[in-house]
Protein backbone atom coordinates (compact mmCIF):
# COMPACT_ATOMS: atom_id res chain seq x y z
CA UNK A 1 -6.34 6.57 96.42
CA UNK A 2 -5.32 5.11 93.07
CA UNK A 3 -7.92 5.54 90.33
CA UNK A 4 -8.49 1.80 89.82
CA UNK A 5 -7.91 0.56 93.37
CA UNK A 6 -10.07 -2.46 94.17
CA UNK A 7 -10.66 -3.29 90.49
CA UNK A 8 -9.65 -6.49 88.71
CA UNK A 9 -8.39 -6.18 85.13
CA UNK A 10 -8.13 -9.09 82.70
CA UNK A 11 -5.78 -8.32 79.80
CA UNK A 12 -5.24 -10.72 76.90
CA UNK A 13 -1.94 -10.99 75.05
CA UNK A 14 -0.27 -9.16 77.92
CA UNK A 15 3.02 -10.98 78.45
CA UNK A 16 4.83 -8.41 76.30
CA UNK A 17 4.39 -5.46 73.96
CA UNK A 18 1.25 -3.32 74.03
CA UNK A 19 -0.60 -5.81 76.23
CA UNK A 20 2.08 -5.74 78.89
CA UNK A 21 2.18 -1.93 78.81
CA UNK A 22 -1.60 -1.86 79.34
CA UNK A 23 -1.47 -4.35 82.21
CA UNK A 24 1.41 -2.47 83.82
CA UNK A 25 -0.36 0.90 83.53
CA UNK A 26 -3.63 -0.43 84.96
CA UNK A 27 -1.61 -1.88 87.85
CA UNK A 28 0.10 1.49 88.31
CA UNK A 29 -3.37 2.96 88.74
CA UNK A 30 -4.21 0.38 91.41
CA UNK A 31 -5.90 -2.50 89.58
CA UNK A 32 -5.12 -6.13 90.27
CA UNK A 33 -4.20 -7.75 86.96
CA UNK A 34 -4.67 -11.14 85.31
CA UNK A 35 -2.68 -11.86 82.14
CA UNK A 36 -4.01 -14.27 79.51
CA UNK A 37 -1.38 -15.27 76.97
CA UNK A 38 -0.23 -18.31 75.00
CA UNK A 39 3.44 -17.68 75.73
CA UNK A 40 5.70 -20.00 77.71
CA UNK A 41 4.62 -20.42 81.33
CA UNK A 42 7.86 -18.92 82.66
CA UNK A 43 7.53 -15.81 80.47
CA UNK A 44 3.97 -15.12 81.57
CA UNK A 45 4.77 -15.75 85.21
CA UNK A 46 7.75 -13.40 84.95
CA UNK A 47 5.56 -10.64 83.48
CA UNK A 48 3.03 -11.00 86.32
CA UNK A 49 5.81 -11.09 88.91
CA UNK A 50 7.34 -7.90 87.53
CA UNK A 51 4.00 -6.10 87.75
CA UNK A 52 3.54 -7.16 91.37
CA UNK A 53 7.08 -6.14 92.31
CA UNK A 54 6.71 -2.75 90.62
CA UNK A 55 3.24 -1.77 91.79
CA UNK A 56 2.42 -3.95 94.80
CA UNK A 57 -0.86 -5.24 93.36
CA UNK A 58 -1.98 -8.81 92.80
CA UNK A 59 -0.92 -10.02 89.36
CA UNK A 60 -1.23 -13.51 87.93
CA UNK A 61 -0.81 -15.34 84.64
CA UNK A 62 -2.96 -17.95 82.96
CA UNK A 63 -1.77 -19.70 79.83
CA UNK A 64 -4.83 -19.52 77.62
CA UNK A 65 -5.56 -19.87 73.92
CA UNK A 66 -8.04 -17.02 73.56
CA UNK A 67 -9.36 -18.45 70.28
CA UNK A 68 -10.66 -21.51 72.17
CA UNK A 69 -14.22 -20.78 73.34
CA UNK A 70 -14.40 -23.50 75.99
CA UNK A 71 -10.88 -22.83 77.22
CA UNK A 72 -11.58 -19.12 77.68
CA UNK A 73 -14.84 -19.82 79.48
CA UNK A 74 -13.09 -22.15 81.92
CA UNK A 75 -10.20 -19.72 82.49
CA UNK A 76 -12.52 -16.78 83.13
CA UNK A 77 -14.52 -18.83 85.64
CA UNK A 78 -11.24 -19.53 87.47
CA UNK A 79 -10.42 -15.82 87.51
CA UNK A 80 -13.84 -14.88 88.87
CA UNK A 81 -13.52 -17.51 91.60
CA UNK A 82 -9.96 -16.51 92.53
CA UNK A 83 -10.28 -12.72 92.21
CA UNK A 84 -13.93 -12.18 93.09
CA UNK A 85 -14.91 -11.00 89.63
CA UNK A 86 -13.70 -8.98 86.66
CA UNK A 87 -14.17 -5.21 86.44
CA UNK A 88 -12.07 -4.38 83.38
CA UNK A 89 -11.61 -6.55 80.28
CA UNK A 90 -8.95 -5.53 77.76
CA UNK A 91 -8.95 -7.58 74.56
CA UNK A 92 -5.49 -7.05 73.14
CA UNK A 93 -4.31 -10.45 71.83
CA UNK A 94 -3.55 -10.39 68.12
CA UNK A 95 -1.32 -11.73 65.36
CA UNK A 96 -0.54 -10.98 61.72
CA UNK A 97 -0.11 -13.31 58.75
CA UNK A 98 0.36 -10.78 55.95
CA UNK A 99 0.05 -11.81 52.29
CA UNK A 100 -1.75 -10.44 49.27
CA UNK A 101 -5.19 -11.99 49.00
CA UNK A 102 -4.29 -14.30 46.11
CA UNK A 103 -1.41 -15.81 48.11
CA UNK A 104 -3.29 -16.00 51.42
CA UNK A 105 -4.17 -19.48 52.56
CA UNK A 106 -7.35 -20.49 54.33
CA UNK A 107 -5.20 -21.29 57.35
CA UNK A 108 -3.77 -17.73 57.35
CA UNK A 109 -7.28 -16.30 57.17
CA UNK A 110 -8.77 -18.51 59.86
CA UNK A 111 -5.89 -18.11 62.31
CA UNK A 112 -5.97 -14.30 62.22
CA UNK A 113 -9.78 -14.09 62.42
CA UNK A 114 -9.85 -16.58 65.29
CA UNK A 115 -7.21 -14.86 67.40
CA UNK A 116 -7.94 -11.23 66.51
CA UNK A 117 -11.75 -11.31 66.44
CA UNK A 118 -13.30 -14.57 67.67
CA UNK A 119 -11.18 -14.29 70.83
CA UNK A 120 -13.01 -11.07 71.72
CA UNK A 121 -16.37 -12.77 71.36
CA UNK A 122 -15.03 -15.56 73.58
CA UNK A 123 -13.83 -13.31 76.41
CA UNK A 124 -16.81 -10.95 76.34
CA UNK A 125 -19.19 -13.92 76.30
CA UNK A 126 -17.35 -15.46 79.27
CA UNK A 127 -17.44 -12.18 81.25
CA UNK A 128 -20.95 -11.14 80.24
CA UNK A 129 -22.88 -12.45 83.24
CA UNK A 130 -20.17 -11.19 85.58
CA UNK A 131 -20.61 -7.65 84.24
CA UNK A 132 -24.41 -7.90 84.24
CA UNK A 133 -24.41 -9.04 87.86
CA UNK A 134 -22.14 -6.15 88.88
CA UNK A 135 -24.12 -3.67 86.76
CA UNK A 136 -20.76 -2.11 85.99
CA UNK A 137 -17.69 -2.83 83.93
CA UNK A 138 -15.29 -1.60 81.28
CA UNK A 139 -14.59 -3.50 78.07
CA UNK A 140 -11.74 -2.18 75.93
CA UNK A 141 -11.03 -3.80 72.57
CA UNK A 142 -7.80 -3.15 70.71
CA UNK A 143 -8.58 -2.64 67.03
CA UNK A 144 -6.31 -0.87 64.50
CA UNK A 145 -6.36 1.99 62.03
CA UNK A 146 -6.15 -0.82 59.45
CA UNK A 147 -9.67 -1.74 60.46
CA UNK A 148 -10.78 1.77 59.56
CA UNK A 149 -8.81 2.21 56.34
CA UNK A 150 -7.94 -1.21 54.96
CA UNK A 151 -4.34 -2.11 54.14
CA UNK A 152 -2.82 -3.97 51.21
CA UNK A 153 -1.65 -7.52 51.97
CA UNK A 154 -3.69 -7.59 55.20
CA UNK A 155 -7.16 -8.76 54.15
CA UNK A 156 -7.36 -11.10 57.14
CA UNK A 157 -6.04 -8.56 59.66
CA UNK A 158 -8.14 -5.64 58.42
CA UNK A 159 -11.29 -7.77 58.27
CA UNK A 160 -10.71 -8.86 61.87
CA UNK A 161 -9.95 -5.36 63.13
CA UNK A 162 -12.95 -3.91 61.29
CA UNK A 163 -15.02 -6.65 62.90
CA UNK A 164 -13.68 -5.61 66.30
CA UNK A 165 -15.11 -2.13 65.75
CA UNK A 166 -18.54 -3.50 64.78
CA UNK A 167 -18.49 -5.89 67.75
CA UNK A 168 -17.54 -3.02 70.08
CA UNK A 169 -20.47 -0.88 68.97
CA UNK A 170 -22.93 -3.76 69.25
CA UNK A 171 -21.78 -4.77 72.74
CA UNK A 172 -21.88 -1.12 73.80
CA UNK A 173 -25.53 -0.90 72.73
CA UNK A 174 -26.44 -4.17 74.46
CA UNK A 175 -24.84 -3.28 77.79
CA UNK A 176 -25.24 0.50 78.05
CA UNK A 177 -28.36 0.35 80.22
CA UNK A 178 -26.46 -1.82 82.72
CA UNK A 179 -23.76 0.78 83.32
CA UNK A 180 -21.18 -1.13 81.27
CA UNK A 181 -18.93 0.70 78.82
CA UNK A 182 -17.44 -0.90 75.71
CA UNK A 183 -14.95 1.05 73.61
CA UNK A 184 -12.19 0.38 71.11
CA UNK A 185 -8.71 1.79 70.60
CA UNK A 186 -7.29 1.92 67.09
CA UNK A 187 -3.48 2.10 67.26
CA UNK A 188 -1.42 3.20 64.29
CA UNK A 189 2.32 2.65 63.89
CA UNK A 190 3.51 1.62 67.36
CA UNK A 191 6.95 0.47 68.49
CA UNK A 192 6.59 -3.18 69.52
CA UNK A 193 8.73 -6.34 69.38
CA UNK A 194 6.99 -7.01 66.06
CA UNK A 195 8.01 -3.72 64.44
CA UNK A 196 11.52 -4.03 65.90
CA UNK A 197 12.06 -6.93 63.49
CA UNK A 198 11.08 -4.97 60.38
CA UNK A 199 13.80 -4.10 57.88
CA UNK A 200 14.74 -0.44 57.77
CA UNK A 201 13.26 0.23 54.33
CA UNK A 202 9.85 -1.08 55.41
CA UNK A 203 10.10 0.81 58.69
CA UNK A 204 10.91 4.07 56.91
CA UNK A 205 7.95 3.55 54.59
CA UNK A 206 5.68 3.00 57.58
CA UNK A 207 6.89 6.14 59.37
CA UNK A 208 6.38 8.14 56.17
CA UNK A 209 2.63 7.50 56.47
CA UNK A 210 2.47 9.15 59.91
CA UNK A 211 1.71 12.90 59.81
CA UNK A 212 3.47 13.39 63.16
CA UNK A 213 6.61 11.87 61.62
CA UNK A 214 7.39 9.19 64.18
CA UNK A 215 6.03 5.99 65.65
CA UNK A 216 4.06 5.85 68.86
CA UNK A 217 4.96 3.83 71.92
CA UNK A 218 3.10 1.06 73.69
CA UNK A 219 2.63 3.45 76.61
CA UNK A 220 0.55 5.74 74.38
CA UNK A 221 -1.98 2.94 73.93
CA UNK A 222 -1.76 2.00 77.61
CA UNK A 223 -2.58 5.51 78.81
CA UNK A 224 -5.65 5.60 76.55
CA UNK A 225 -6.75 2.23 77.94
CA UNK A 226 -6.26 3.46 81.51
CA UNK A 227 -8.44 6.48 80.77
CA UNK A 228 -11.20 4.33 79.28
CA UNK A 229 -10.98 1.97 82.28
CA UNK A 230 -11.46 4.84 84.73
CA UNK A 231 -14.54 6.75 85.88
CA UNK A 232 -13.29 9.70 83.83
CA UNK A 233 -14.69 7.86 80.81
CA UNK A 234 -17.99 6.79 82.42
CA UNK A 235 -20.08 8.57 79.74
CA UNK A 236 -18.09 7.25 76.78
CA UNK A 237 -19.27 4.05 75.10
CA UNK A 238 -19.28 2.62 71.58
CA UNK A 239 -16.37 4.90 70.69
CA UNK A 240 -13.28 4.16 68.60
CA UNK A 241 -10.30 6.24 69.69
CA UNK A 242 -7.44 6.48 67.21
CA UNK A 243 -3.95 6.63 68.72
CA UNK A 244 -2.12 6.88 65.44
CA UNK A 245 -0.23 10.16 65.03
CA UNK A 246 -2.81 11.24 62.47
CA UNK A 247 -2.65 8.35 59.97
CA UNK A 248 -6.40 7.89 59.68
CA UNK A 249 -7.49 11.54 59.78
């Protein structure tokens, strides 16, 4: 039997990139999957359809602005009604608006904090009673090595990702006695549609910071998420696992 058979996984920002790789890998391991994303309806539906065709599980898409508290609450209630509950929550949605602090606008700051950090409060809050009722659950938050180290021209992003780590540890402490695990993954330099658009000079500079000498793949993050979602990780909570080729050693 597949490791996650009978489980329902909700993955945010999962229409492409790291989020899609996570959703696809959880489906490979038997989980039914719900994708939350703000992409075009046809793109999200196509991602869910591909997962179903590949793995034979239930997969669906809901267009959802994860920074909207009320909207997330309503969407999660729909998922619980349609799927019978949520067993695995993966908070992956995120954006960047990189500028040095002096040039960063309030809008740049607020947008990144709302999507990269507030969204995780929104989804965890919406799923909280569901997990408490089940007395089981896995919450996996995607942070970044930038949240551990800081990074020039990313004050908004690093503040959000550092906040994700603090939120993860707090939620882990609150829910540990109920059999609910909450962990974070801190990716480093990963090949995504975003990095594919970088100019070669910037890309070379990024790779030069990686002790292993190359970028990771979305699948590297996905396999870590699948492990944390499984019973193999039942005694791990409040942890931050770096998947970064050694950047933050």
